[in-house]
Amino acid sequence: MDVKVKIVSPLLSPDDLPQYATEGSAGMDLRACLQEPVTIRPGDIVPVPTGVAIQLARRDAVALVYARSGLATRHGIALANGVGVVDSDYTGEIVVPLCHNGSRDFVLQPKERIAQLVIAPIYVARLVPVDYLGPTERGAGGFGSTGRV
């Protein structure tokens, strides 16, 4: 699928565009579009610009922003919103809200890889109001209703 991408910051060059690190990568690396290093302290939430905007070609596609596992495991840096959703009609700059769950200050460097961008298909649902939902094995059982193990 072709995805249009636009550089929206003079701090970036075409070499800084999101890209797959390996042939088997599911996500493209997003980089911090910063003029200088930023210190993120434990407990902080910092919106980090990426300097890029995208446009998806179809309504049945979404761009999902995921944390980088290395930043999370080594430094406690994760996404404040868990997973970011870039809707097909959003064409503004992608901004990644990083939160610091670690115990030591983390210095984020300009152009450092901060997140992964995954393009995925979605089903566009049409909700159908009903008076009755059919029976299932689980039914309305909520959290923990299927037990442990």
C-alpha atoms as a PDB file:
ATOM      1  CA  MET A   1       0.000   0.000   0.000  1.00  0.00           C
ATOM      2  CA  ASP A   2       1.320   3.416  -0.883  1.00  0.00           C
ATOM      3  CA  VAL A   3       1.281   5.882   2.016  1.00  0.00           C
ATOM      4  CA  LYS A   4       1.955   9.544   1.323  1.00  0.00           C
ATOM      5  CA  VAL A   5       4.492  11.084   3.700  1.00  0.00           C
ATOM      6  CA  LYS A   6       5.374  14.732   4.148  1.00  0.00           C
ATOM      7  CA  ILE A   7       8.272  16.266   6.048  1.00  0.00           C
ATOM      8  CA  VAL A   8       6.764  19.055   8.181  1.00  0.00           C
ATOM      9  CA  SER A   9       9.916  20.207   9.985  1.00  0.00           C
ATOM     10  CA  PRO A  10      13.065  21.851   8.634  1.00  0.00           C
ATOM     11  CA  LEU A  11      15.027  19.698  11.127  1.00  0.00           C
ATOM     12  CA  LEU A  12      14.472  16.583   8.996  1.00  0.00           C
ATOM     13  CA  SER A  13      15.847  15.408   5.685  1.00  0.00           C
ATOM     14  CA  PRO A  14      14.530  12.645   3.422  1.00  0.00           C
ATOM     15  CA  ASP A  15      17.007  10.264   5.112  1.00  0.00           C
ATOM     16  CA  ASP A  16      15.057  10.724   8.366  1.00  0.00           C
ATOM     17  CA  LEU A  17      11.737   9.461   6.994  1.00  0.00           C
ATOM     18  CA  PRO A  18      10.206   6.445   8.765  1.00  0.00           C
ATOM     19  CA  GLN A  19      11.690   3.223   7.462  1.00  0.00           C
ATOM     20  CA  TYR A  20      11.764  -0.492   8.161  1.00  0.00           C
ATOM     21  CA  ALA A  21      15.001  -1.446   9.952  1.00  0.00           C
ATOM     22  CA  THR A  22      15.081  -4.968   8.507  1.00  0.00           C
ATOM     23  CA  GLU A  23      13.383  -6.965   5.767  1.00  0.00           C
ATOM     24  CA  GLY A  24      11.156  -8.647   8.362  1.00  0.00           C
ATOM     25  CA  SER A  25      10.224  -5.557  10.406  1.00  0.00           C
ATOM     26  CA  ALA A  26       6.498  -4.987  10.919  1.00  0.00           C
ATOM     27  CA  GLY A  27       6.924  -1.355  11.926  1.00  0.00           C
ATOM     28  CA  MET A  28       8.795   1.619  10.544  1.00  0.00           C
ATOM     29  CA  ASP A  29      10.930   3.559  12.996  1.00  0.00           C
ATOM     30  CA  LEU A  30       9.753   7.041  13.940  1.00  0.00           C
ATOM     31  CA  ARG A  31      12.427   9.484  15.077  1.00  0.00           C
ATOM     32  CA  ALA A  32      12.433  12.346  17.581  1.00  0.00           C
ATOM     33  CA  CYS A  33      12.357  15.626  15.685  1.00  0.00           C
ATOM     34  CA  LEU A  34      14.269  17.718  18.209  1.00  0.00           C
ATOM     35  CA  GLN A  35      16.675  20.616  17.901  1.00  0.00           C
ATOM     36  CA  GLU A  36      18.540  19.587  21.052  1.00  0.00           C
ATOM     37  CA  PRO A  37      18.476  16.737  23.594  1.00  0.00           C
ATOM     38  CA  VAL A  38      15.508  16.593  25.985  1.00  0.00           C
ATOM     39  CA  THR A  39      15.736  15.167  29.503  1.00  0.00           C
ATOM     40  CA  ILE A  40      12.736  13.071  30.502  1.00  0.00           C
ATOM     41  CA  ARG A  41      12.476  12.556  34.245  1.00  0.00           C
ATOM     42  CA  PRO A  42      10.759   9.602  35.931  1.00  0.00           C
ATOM     43  CA  GLY A  43       7.005  10.186  35.917  1.00  0.00           C
ATOM     44  CA  ASP A  44       7.142  12.730  33.078  1.00  0.00           C
ATOM     45  CA  ILE A  45       4.938  12.623  29.999  1.00  0.00           C
ATOM     46  CA  VAL A  46       6.509  14.431  27.042  1.00  0.00           C
ATOM     47  CA  PRO A  47       4.900  14.924  23.618  1.00  0.00           C
ATOM     48  CA  VAL A  48       7.673  14.331  21.084  1.00  0.00           C
ATOM     49  CA  PRO A  49       7.230  15.578  17.515  1.00  0.00           C
ATOM     50  CA  THR A  50       8.357  13.319  14.669  1.00  0.00           C
ATOM     51  CA  GLY A  51       8.501  15.961  11.953  1.00  0.00           C
ATOM     52  CA  VAL A  52       6.406  13.858   9.577  1.00  0.00           C
ATOM     53  CA  ALA A  53       2.777  13.637   8.536  1.00  0.00           C
ATOM     54  CA  ILE A  54       1.173  10.849   6.538  1.00  0.00           C
ATOM     55  CA  GLN A  55      -1.946  10.307   4.481  1.00  0.00           C
ATOM     56  CA  LEU A  56      -3.457   6.863   4.179  1.00  0.00           C
ATOM     57  CA  ALA A  57      -5.077   6.099   0.849  1.00  0.00           C
ATOM     58  CA  ARG A  58      -8.104   4.235   2.171  1.00  0.00           C
ATOM     59  CA  ARG A  59     -10.673   4.354   4.976  1.00  0.00           C
ATOM     60  CA  ASP A  60     -10.044   0.680   5.763  1.00  0.00           C
ATOM     61  CA  ALA A  61      -6.450   1.294   6.889  1.00  0.00           C
ATOM     62  CA  VAL A  62      -4.960   2.693  10.080  1.00  0.00           C
ATOM     63  CA  ALA A  63      -1.469   3.655  11.194  1.00  0.00           C
ATOM     64  CA  LEU A  64      -0.687   2.410  14.692  1.00  0.00           C
ATOM     65  CA  VAL A  65       2.128   3.852  16.799  1.00  0.00           C
ATOM     66  CA  TYR A  66       3.781   1.362  19.149  1.00  0.00           C
ATOM     67  CA  ALA A  67       6.566   1.688  21.717  1.00  0.00           C
ATOM     68  CA  ARG A  68      10.061   0.481  20.947  1.00  0.00           C
ATOM     69  CA  SER A  69      10.801  -2.528  23.119  1.00  0.00           C
ATOM     70  CA  GLY A  70      14.441  -1.541  23.704  1.00  0.00           C
ATOM     71  CA  LEU A  71      13.510   1.856  25.142  1.00  0.00           C
ATOM     72  CA  ALA A  72      10.861   0.256  27.320  1.00  0.00           C
ATOM     73  CA  THR A  73      12.993  -2.556  28.739  1.00  0.00           C
ATOM     74  CA  ARG A  74      16.233  -0.608  29.167  1.00  0.00           C
ATOM     75  CA  HIS A  75      14.904   2.783  30.262  1.00  0.00           C
ATOM     76  CA  GLY A  76      11.189   2.496  31.106  1.00  0.00           C
ATOM     77  CA  ILE A  77      10.219   4.730  28.159  1.00  0.00           C
ATOM     78  CA  ALA A  78       6.772   3.861  26.780  1.00  0.00           C
ATOM     79  CA  LEU A  79       3.815   5.489  25.074  1.00  0.00           C
ATOM     80  CA  ALA A  80       1.558   7.407  27.459  1.00  0.00           C
ATOM     81  CA  ASN A  81      -1.516   6.269  25.518  1.00  0.00           C
ATOM     82  CA  GLY A  82      -0.439   2.633  25.104  1.00  0.00           C
ATOM     83  CA  VAL A  83      -0.919   2.585  21.335  1.00  0.00           C
ATOM     84  CA  GLY A  84      -1.369   5.637  19.155  1.00  0.00           C
ATOM     85  CA  VAL A  85      -3.994   5.610  16.416  1.00  0.00           C
ATOM     86  CA  VAL A  86      -3.475   7.679  13.277  1.00  0.00           C
ATOM     87  CA  ASP A  87      -6.837   7.726  11.500  1.00  0.00           C
ATOM     88  CA  SER A  88      -7.050   7.671   7.726  1.00  0.00           C
ATOM     89  CA  ASP A  89      -8.325  11.265   7.636  1.00  0.00           C
ATOM     90  CA  TYR A  90      -5.654  12.739   9.957  1.00  0.00           C
ATOM     91  CA  THR A  91      -2.921  14.538   8.037  1.00  0.00           C
ATOM     92  CA  GLY A  92      -1.199  16.496  10.796  1.00  0.00           C
ATOM     93  CA  GLU A  93       2.217  15.848  12.288  1.00  0.00           C
ATOM     94  CA  ILE A  94       2.583  12.563  14.162  1.00  0.00           C
ATOM     95  CA  VAL A  95       3.427  13.375  17.788  1.00  0.00           C
ATOM     96  CA  VAL A  96       4.440  10.582  20.155  1.00  0.00           C
ATOM     97  CA  PRO A  97       3.526  11.042  23.850  1.00  0.00           C
ATOM     98  CA  LEU A  98       6.373   9.373  25.734  1.00  0.00           C
ATOM     99  CA  CYS A  99       6.090   8.545  29.430  1.00  0.00           C
ATOM    100  CA  HIS A 100       8.945   7.594  31.718  1.00  0.00           C
ATOM    101  CA  ASN A 101       8.264   4.650  34.013  1.00  0.00           C
ATOM    102  CA  GLY A 102      11.918   4.144  34.948  1.00  0.00           C
ATOM    103  CA  SER A 103      13.905   5.409  37.912  1.00  0.00           C
ATOM    104  CA  ARG A 104      16.663   7.515  36.287  1.00  0.00           C
ATOM    105  CA  ASP A 105      16.550  10.553  34.039  1.00  0.00           C
ATOM    106  CA  PHE A 106      16.571   9.662  30.349  1.00  0.00           C
ATOM    107  CA  VAL A 107      18.135  11.968  27.768  1.00  0.00           C
ATOM    108  CA  LEU A 108      16.352  11.764  24.424  1.00  0.00           C
ATOM    109  CA  GLN A 109      18.628  12.667  21.535  1.00  0.00           C
ATOM    110  CA  PRO A 110      17.601  14.431  18.314  1.00  0.00           C
ATOM    111  CA  LYS A 111      16.637  11.915  15.609  1.00  0.00           C
ATOM    112  CA  GLU A 112      16.652   9.022  18.096  1.00  0.00           C
ATOM    113  CA  ARG A 113      14.247   6.228  17.187  1.00  0.00           C
ATOM    114  CA  ILE A 114      11.306   6.584  19.602  1.00  0.00           C
ATOM    115  CA  ALA A 115       8.420   4.495  18.282  1.00  0.00           C
ATOM    116  CA  GLN A 116       7.256   2.171  15.529  1.00  0.00           C
ATOM    117  CA  LEU A 117       4.633   2.960  12.900  1.00  0.00           C
ATOM    118  CA  VAL A 118       2.591  -0.032  11.709  1.00  0.00           C
ATOM    119  CA  ILE A 119       0.109   0.239   8.836  1.00  0.00           C
ATOM    120  CA  ALA A 120      -2.751  -2.217   9.268  1.00  0.00           C
ATOM    121  CA  PRO A 121      -6.106  -3.041   7.710  1.00  0.00           C
ATOM    122  CA  ILE A 122      -9.268  -2.467   9.718  1.00  0.00           C
ATOM    123  CA  TYR A 123     -12.907  -3.425   9.412  1.00  0.00           C
ATOM    124  CA  VAL A 124     -15.209  -0.443   9.137  1.00  0.00           C
ATOM    125  CA  ALA A 125     -18.118  -1.566  11.304  1.00  0.00           C
ATOM    126  CA  ARG A 126     -21.775  -0.786  10.891  1.00  0.00           C
ATOM    127  CA  LEU A 127     -23.531  -1.140  14.252  1.00  0.00           C
ATOM    128  CA  VAL A 128     -26.886  -2.905  14.112  1.00  0.00           C
ATOM    129  CA  PRO A 129     -29.146  -2.226  17.139  1.00  0.00           C
ATOM    130  CA  VAL A 130     -30.779  -5.412  18.480  1.00  0.00           C
ATOM    131  CA  ASP A 131     -32.855  -6.415  21.505  1.00  0.00           C
ATOM    132  CA  TYR A 132     -31.089  -9.722  22.029  1.00  0.00           C
ATOM    133  CA  LEU A 133     -27.526 -11.045  21.725  1.00  0.00           C
ATOM    134  CA  GLY A 134     -27.124 -14.768  21.086  1.00  0.00           C
ATOM    135  CA  PRO A 135     -25.765 -17.090  23.767  1.00  0.00           C
ATOM    136  CA  THR A 136     -22.024 -17.821  24.050  1.00  0.00           C
ATOM    137  CA  GLU A 137     -20.008 -20.023  26.387  1.00  0.00           C
ATOM    138  CA  ARG A 138     -18.693 -16.978  28.253  1.00  0.00           C
ATOM    139  CA  GLY A 139     -21.779 -14.811  28.174  1.00  0.00           C
ATOM    140  CA  ALA A 140     -21.440 -11.597  30.176  1.00  0.00           C
ATOM    141  CA  GLY A 141     -18.549 -12.930  32.316  1.00  0.00           C
ATOM    142  CA  GLY A 142     -16.118 -10.076  32.862  1.00  0.00           C
ATOM    143  CA  PHE A 143     -12.582  -9.666  34.139  1.00  0.00           C
ATOM    144  CA  GLY A 144     -11.115 -12.966  35.291  1.00  0.00           C
ATOM    145  CA  SER A 145     -14.213 -14.963  34.416  1.00  0.00           C
ATOM    146  CA  THR A 146     -12.205 -17.463  32.372  1.00  0.00           C
ATOM    147  CA  GLY A 147      -9.904 -18.173  35.316  1.00  0.00           C
ATOM    148  CA  ARG A 148      -6.130 -18.434  35.528  1.00  0.00           C
ATOM    149  CA  VAL A 149      -3.738 -20.882  33.866  1.00  0.00           C
END
